């Protein structure tokens, strides 16, 4: 999932229903570790997190993606705020980031939006290495790589590895997705 608005999401308030949520995880790219929350424990899982080297998760900031291990399906209401756009990730750090956007881009469009100047028509810039999104219904990953799009090999790799093809699907406001830069 993802918080695609600039307003921070309070984890305990938004995801603190133990009847619906088992755990919540957020990747912190700057430190290369996970932050953890569970409504099943009075401290939100802070002691559990500390004992395992995780951070305690209290807030999901605008533009951050996160994992929810849910007991049942439910609708998440994002806080009111201004949309986080793809262009706001132009200074994305190297390595893995779990992020969210609210400007309705395809993975290819997201990659293009990271360019400081618009690439010429037909040019596929290499602003990222790969982009991944989990599909909980199928239990499979969507996959995109600009280098493979440029070489014409993206569809073949997706088929060979049994990934899901983004095709023309857009990254929705509630979608958290992984980017490797």
C-alpha atoms as a PDB file:
ATOM      1  CA  UNK A   1       0.000   0.000   0.000  1.00  0.00           C
ATOM      2  CA  UNK A   2       1.095   3.600  -0.144  1.00  0.00           C
ATOM      3  CA  UNK A   3       0.522   7.062   1.290  1.00  0.00           C
ATOM      4  CA  UNK A   4       0.383   9.139  -1.878  1.00  0.00           C
ATOM      5  CA  UNK A   5      -0.447  12.469  -0.213  1.00  0.00           C
ATOM      6  CA  UNK A   6       1.903  14.843   1.604  1.00  0.00           C
ATOM      7  CA  UNK A   7       0.131  14.417   4.953  1.00  0.00           C
ATOM      8  CA  UNK A   8       1.664  11.854   7.339  1.00  0.00           C
ATOM      9  CA  UNK A   9      -0.478   8.841   8.180  1.00  0.00           C
ATOM     10  CA  UNK A  10      -0.669   7.964  11.889  1.00  0.00           C
ATOM     11  CA  UNK A  11      -0.232   4.191  11.936  1.00  0.00           C
ATOM     12  CA  UNK A  12      -1.950   3.426  15.261  1.00  0.00           C
ATOM     13  CA  UNK A  13      -4.977   5.556  14.378  1.00  0.00           C
ATOM     14  CA  UNK A  14      -5.328   4.353  10.797  1.00  0.00           C
ATOM     15  CA  UNK A  15      -4.183   0.731  11.084  1.00  0.00           C
ATOM     16  CA  UNK A  16      -4.691  -0.002  14.769  1.00  0.00           C
ATOM     17  CA  UNK A  17      -7.716  -2.298  14.459  1.00  0.00           C
ATOM     18  CA  UNK A  18      -6.460  -5.713  15.639  1.00  0.00           C
ATOM     19  CA  UNK A  19      -9.569  -7.378  14.179  1.00  0.00           C
ATOM     20  CA  UNK A  20      -8.392  -6.354  10.680  1.00  0.00           C
ATOM     21  CA  UNK A  21      -4.609  -5.880  10.885  1.00  0.00           C
ATOM     22  CA  UNK A  22      -1.880  -8.283  12.032  1.00  0.00           C
ATOM     23  CA  UNK A  23       1.244  -6.260  11.202  1.00  0.00           C
ATOM     24  CA  UNK A  24       2.404  -3.186   9.292  1.00  0.00           C
ATOM     25  CA  UNK A  25       5.908  -2.776   7.821  1.00  0.00           C
ATOM     26  CA  UNK A  26       7.735   0.178   6.264  1.00  0.00           C
ATOM     27  CA  UNK A  27      11.147   0.056   4.576  1.00  0.00           C
ATOM     28  CA  UNK A  28      13.468   2.891   5.569  1.00  0.00           C
ATOM     29  CA  UNK A  29      15.827   3.391   2.633  1.00  0.00           C
ATOM     30  CA  UNK A  30      18.148   5.778   4.510  1.00  0.00           C
ATOM     31  CA  UNK A  31      19.033   3.146   7.128  1.00  0.00           C
ATOM     32  CA  UNK A  32      18.346   0.000   5.114  1.00  0.00           C
ATOM     33  CA  UNK A  33      16.024  -1.523   7.697  1.00  0.00           C
ATOM     34  CA  UNK A  34      12.383  -2.147   8.457  1.00  0.00           C
ATOM     35  CA  UNK A  35      10.022  -0.334  10.803  1.00  0.00           C
ATOM     36  CA  UNK A  36       7.346  -2.524  12.425  1.00  0.00           C
ATOM     37  CA  UNK A  37       3.918  -2.066  14.054  1.00  0.00           C
ATOM     38  CA  UNK A  38       1.287  -4.460  15.351  1.00  0.00           C
ATOM     39  CA  UNK A  39      -2.036  -3.544  16.977  1.00  0.00           C
ATOM     40  CA  UNK A  40      -1.961  -6.895  18.814  1.00  0.00           C
ATOM     41  CA  UNK A  41       0.464  -5.553  21.419  1.00  0.00           C
ATOM     42  CA  UNK A  42      -0.158  -2.656  23.795  1.00  0.00           C
ATOM     43  CA  UNK A  43       3.114  -0.955  22.797  1.00  0.00           C
ATOM     44  CA  UNK A  44       2.348  -1.353  19.070  1.00  0.00           C
ATOM     45  CA  UNK A  45       5.113  -3.918  18.838  1.00  0.00           C
ATOM     46  CA  UNK A  46       7.883  -1.512  19.892  1.00  0.00           C
ATOM     47  CA  UNK A  47       9.576  -4.086  22.180  1.00  0.00           C
ATOM     48  CA  UNK A  48       9.315  -6.773  19.490  1.00  0.00           C
ATOM     49  CA  UNK A  49      10.813  -4.388  16.934  1.00  0.00           C
ATOM     50  CA  UNK A  50      13.692  -3.351  19.196  1.00  0.00           C
ATOM     51  CA  UNK A  51      14.541  -6.976  20.049  1.00  0.00           C
ATOM     52  CA  UNK A  52      14.887  -7.786  16.333  1.00  0.00           C
ATOM     53  CA  UNK A  53      16.715  -4.658  15.197  1.00  0.00           C
ATOM     54  CA  UNK A  54      13.707  -3.004  13.554  1.00  0.00           C
ATOM     55  CA  UNK A  55      12.492   0.523  14.143  1.00  0.00           C
ATOM     56  CA  UNK A  56       9.142   1.057  15.796  1.00  0.00           C
ATOM     57  CA  UNK A  57       6.623   2.282  13.214  1.00  0.00           C
ATOM     58  CA  UNK A  58       4.421   5.219  14.195  1.00  0.00           C
ATOM     59  CA  UNK A  59       4.135   7.334  11.025  1.00  0.00           C
ATOM     60  CA  UNK A  60       4.010   6.750   7.282  1.00  0.00           C
ATOM     61  CA  UNK A  61       5.027   9.964   5.564  1.00  0.00           C
ATOM     62  CA  UNK A  62       3.801  11.236   2.227  1.00  0.00           C
ATOM     63  CA  UNK A  63       5.247   9.282  -0.673  1.00  0.00           C
ATOM     64  CA  UNK A  64       6.107   6.233   1.425  1.00  0.00           C
ATOM     65  CA  UNK A  65       4.920   2.729   0.663  1.00  0.00           C
ATOM     66  CA  UNK A  66       4.205   0.089   3.307  1.00  0.00           C
ATOM     67  CA  UNK A  67       3.146  -3.544   3.736  1.00  0.00           C
ATOM     68  CA  UNK A  68       0.016  -4.566   5.634  1.00  0.00           C
ATOM     69  CA  UNK A  69      -0.516  -8.144   6.734  1.00  0.00           C
ATOM     70  CA  UNK A  70      -4.302  -8.020   7.028  1.00  0.00           C
ATOM     71  CA  UNK A  71      -6.665 -10.487   8.666  1.00  0.00           C
ATOM     72  CA  UNK A  72      -9.433  -9.393   6.317  1.00  0.00           C
ATOM     73  CA  UNK A  73      -9.950  -7.026   3.405  1.00  0.00           C
ATOM     74  CA  UNK A  74     -10.708  -3.420   4.295  1.00  0.00           C
ATOM     75  CA  UNK A  75     -10.599   0.031   2.754  1.00  0.00           C
ATOM     76  CA  UNK A  76      -7.843   2.374   3.842  1.00  0.00           C
ATOM     77  CA  UNK A  77      -8.709   6.057   4.026  1.00  0.00           C
ATOM     78  CA  UNK A  78      -5.720   8.272   3.267  1.00  0.00           C
ATOM     79  CA  UNK A  79      -5.520  11.588   5.113  1.00  0.00           C
ATOM     80  CA  UNK A  80      -6.431  14.742   3.177  1.00  0.00           C
ATOM     81  CA  UNK A  81      -3.455  16.362   1.510  1.00  0.00           C
ATOM     82  CA  UNK A  82      -1.700  17.332  -1.680  1.00  0.00           C
ATOM     83  CA  UNK A  83      -0.795  14.614  -4.160  1.00  0.00           C
ATOM     84  CA  UNK A  84       2.787  13.336  -4.170  1.00  0.00           C
ATOM     85  CA  UNK A  85       3.969  13.351  -7.783  1.00  0.00           C
ATOM     86  CA  UNK A  86       6.521  11.206  -9.575  1.00  0.00           C
ATOM     87  CA  UNK A  87       8.777  14.220 -10.120  1.00  0.00           C
ATOM     88  CA  UNK A  88       9.212  14.561  -6.344  1.00  0.00           C
ATOM     89  CA  UNK A  89      11.388  11.412  -6.493  1.00  0.00           C
ATOM     90  CA  UNK A  90      14.053  12.834  -8.831  1.00  0.00           C
ATOM     91  CA  UNK A  91      16.602  12.614  -6.017  1.00  0.00           C
ATOM     92  CA  UNK A  92      15.689   9.066  -5.048  1.00  0.00           C
ATOM     93  CA  UNK A  93      18.697   7.453  -3.345  1.00  0.00           C
ATOM     94  CA  UNK A  94      20.552   4.508  -4.838  1.00  0.00           C
ATOM     95  CA  UNK A  95      19.307   1.121  -3.674  1.00  0.00           C
ATOM     96  CA  UNK A  96      15.802   0.023  -2.769  1.00  0.00           C
ATOM     97  CA  UNK A  97      12.947   2.402  -1.913  1.00  0.00           C
ATOM     98  CA  UNK A  98       9.312   1.576  -1.128  1.00  0.00           C
ATOM     99  CA  UNK A  99       7.288   4.566  -2.343  1.00  0.00           C
ATOM    100  CA  UNK A 100       3.863   5.804  -3.500  1.00  0.00           C
ATOM    101  CA  UNK A 101       2.673   8.426  -5.998  1.00  0.00           C
ATOM    102  CA  UNK A 102      -0.642  10.062  -6.830  1.00  0.00           C
ATOM    103  CA  UNK A 103      -0.186  11.250 -10.413  1.00  0.00           C
ATOM    104  CA  UNK A 104      -1.434   8.164 -12.264  1.00  0.00           C
ATOM    105  CA  UNK A 105       1.773   7.143 -14.027  1.00  0.00           C
ATOM    106  CA  UNK A 106       2.587   3.839 -15.647  1.00  0.00           C
ATOM    107  CA  UNK A 107       5.979   2.473 -14.548  1.00  0.00           C
ATOM    108  CA  UNK A 108       7.430   3.759 -17.831  1.00  0.00           C
ATOM    109  CA  UNK A 109       5.855   7.169 -17.202  1.00  0.00           C
ATOM    110  CA  UNK A 110       7.227   7.197 -13.659  1.00  0.00           C
ATOM    111  CA  UNK A 111      10.717   6.452 -15.013  1.00  0.00           C
ATOM    112  CA  UNK A 112      10.410   9.282 -17.576  1.00  0.00           C
ATOM    113  CA  UNK A 113       9.153  11.713 -14.907  1.00  0.00           C
ATOM    114  CA  UNK A 114      12.398  11.244 -12.970  1.00  0.00           C
ATOM    115  CA  UNK A 115      14.362  12.919 -15.778  1.00  0.00           C
ATOM    116  CA  UNK A 116      15.455  16.489 -14.996  1.00  0.00           C
ATOM    117  CA  UNK A 117      14.722  17.395 -18.623  1.00  0.00           C
ATOM    118  CA  UNK A 118      12.105  15.616 -20.683  1.00  0.00           C
ATOM    119  CA  UNK A 119      13.623  12.826 -22.786  1.00  0.00           C
ATOM    120  CA  UNK A 120      13.094  13.067 -26.538  1.00  0.00           C
ATOM    121  CA  UNK A 121      10.211  11.103 -28.028  1.00  0.00           C
ATOM    122  CA  UNK A 122      10.941   7.388 -28.233  1.00  0.00           C
ATOM    123  CA  UNK A 123      13.828   7.596 -25.748  1.00  0.00           C
ATOM    124  CA  UNK A 124      13.594   5.430 -22.658  1.00  0.00           C
ATOM    125  CA  UNK A 125      15.828   6.923 -19.952  1.00  0.00           C
ATOM    126  CA  UNK A 126      17.604   4.732 -17.407  1.00  0.00           C
ATOM    127  CA  UNK A 127      16.533   6.638 -14.286  1.00  0.00           C
ATOM    128  CA  UNK A 128      15.836   3.411 -12.373  1.00  0.00           C
ATOM    129  CA  UNK A 129      16.977  -0.197 -12.628  1.00  0.00           C
ATOM    130  CA  UNK A 130      13.693  -1.931 -11.814  1.00  0.00           C
ATOM    131  CA  UNK A 131      10.218  -1.261 -10.438  1.00  0.00           C
ATOM    132  CA  UNK A 132       8.140  -3.913  -8.645  1.00  0.00           C
ATOM    133  CA  UNK A 133       4.588  -4.021  -7.244  1.00  0.00           C
ATOM    134  CA  UNK A 134       3.053  -6.927  -5.334  1.00  0.00           C
ATOM    135  CA  UNK A 135      -0.362  -8.257  -6.361  1.00  0.00           C
ATOM    136  CA  UNK A 136      -1.855  -9.858  -3.258  1.00  0.00           C
ATOM    137  CA  UNK A 137      -4.728 -11.445  -5.202  1.00  0.00           C
ATOM    138  CA  UNK A 138      -2.456 -13.520  -7.438  1.00  0.00           C
ATOM    139  CA  UNK A 139       0.518 -13.733  -5.083  1.00  0.00           C
ATOM    140  CA  UNK A 140       2.802 -12.522  -7.880  1.00  0.00           C
ATOM    141  CA  UNK A 141       4.983  -9.528  -8.658  1.00  0.00           C
ATOM    142  CA  UNK A 142       4.424  -6.942 -11.367  1.00  0.00           C
ATOM    143  CA  UNK A 143       7.796  -6.115 -12.934  1.00  0.00           C
ATOM    144  CA  UNK A 144       9.239  -3.290 -15.022  1.00  0.00           C
ATOM    145  CA  UNK A 145      12.794  -2.485 -16.160  1.00  0.00           C
ATOM    146  CA  UNK A 146      13.532   0.467 -18.478  1.00  0.00           C
ATOM    147  CA  UNK A 147      16.607  -1.281 -19.914  1.00  0.00           C
ATOM    148  CA  UNK A 148      14.431  -4.218 -20.997  1.00  0.00           C
ATOM    149  CA  UNK A 149      11.739  -1.900 -22.330  1.00  0.00           C
ATOM    150  CA  UNK A 150      14.416  -0.149 -24.423  1.00  0.00           C
ATOM    151  CA  UNK A 151      15.838  -3.431 -25.748  1.00  0.00           C
ATOM    152  CA  UNK A 152      12.425  -4.967 -26.444  1.00  0.00           C
ATOM    153  CA  UNK A 153      12.974  -7.806 -23.965  1.00  0.00           C
ATOM    154  CA  UNK A 154      10.595  -6.809 -21.184  1.00  0.00           C
ATOM    155  CA  UNK A 155       7.648  -8.985 -22.242  1.00  0.00           C
ATOM    156  CA  UNK A 156       9.882 -12.017 -22.722  1.00  0.00           C
ATOM    157  CA  UNK A 157      11.427 -11.736 -19.262  1.00  0.00           C
ATOM    158  CA  UNK A 158       8.033 -11.178 -17.628  1.00  0.00           C
ATOM    159  CA  UNK A 159       6.690 -14.300 -19.314  1.00  0.00           C
ATOM    160  CA  UNK A 160       9.805 -16.414 -18.590  1.00  0.00           C
ATOM    161  CA  UNK A 161       9.869 -15.526 -14.900  1.00  0.00           C
ATOM    162  CA  UNK A 162       6.084 -15.744 -14.485  1.00  0.00           C
ATOM    163  CA  UNK A 163       5.824 -12.110 -13.371  1.00  0.00           C
ATOM    164  CA  UNK A 164       2.815  -9.936 -14.070  1.00  0.00           C
ATOM    165  CA  UNK A 165       3.085  -7.416 -16.903  1.00  0.00           C
ATOM    166  CA  UNK A 166       2.121  -3.841 -16.023  1.00  0.00           C
ATOM    167  CA  UNK A 167       1.092  -3.182 -19.616  1.00  0.00           C
ATOM    168  CA  UNK A 168      -0.801   0.107 -19.418  1.00  0.00           C
ATOM    169  CA  UNK A 169      -1.699  -0.204 -15.737  1.00  0.00           C
ATOM    170  CA  UNK A 170      -1.013   2.908 -13.702  1.00  0.00           C
ATOM    171  CA  UNK A 171       0.443   3.086 -10.223  1.00  0.00           C
ATOM    172  CA  UNK A 172      -2.643   4.022  -8.219  1.00  0.00           C
ATOM    173  CA  UNK A 173      -2.635   6.357  -5.187  1.00  0.00           C
ATOM    174  CA  UNK A 174      -2.934   3.432  -2.743  1.00  0.00           C
ATOM    175  CA  UNK A 175      -0.215   1.342  -4.414  1.00  0.00           C
ATOM    176  CA  UNK A 176       3.107   1.081  -2.676  1.00  0.00           C
ATOM    177  CA  UNK A 177       5.840  -0.052  -5.042  1.00  0.00           C
ATOM    178  CA  UNK A 178       9.517  -0.914  -4.894  1.00  0.00           C
ATOM    179  CA  UNK A 179      12.084   0.959  -6.938  1.00  0.00           C
ATOM    180  CA  UNK A 180      15.691  -0.134  -7.288  1.00  0.00           C
ATOM    181  CA  UNK A 181      17.884   2.750  -8.428  1.00  0.00           C
END
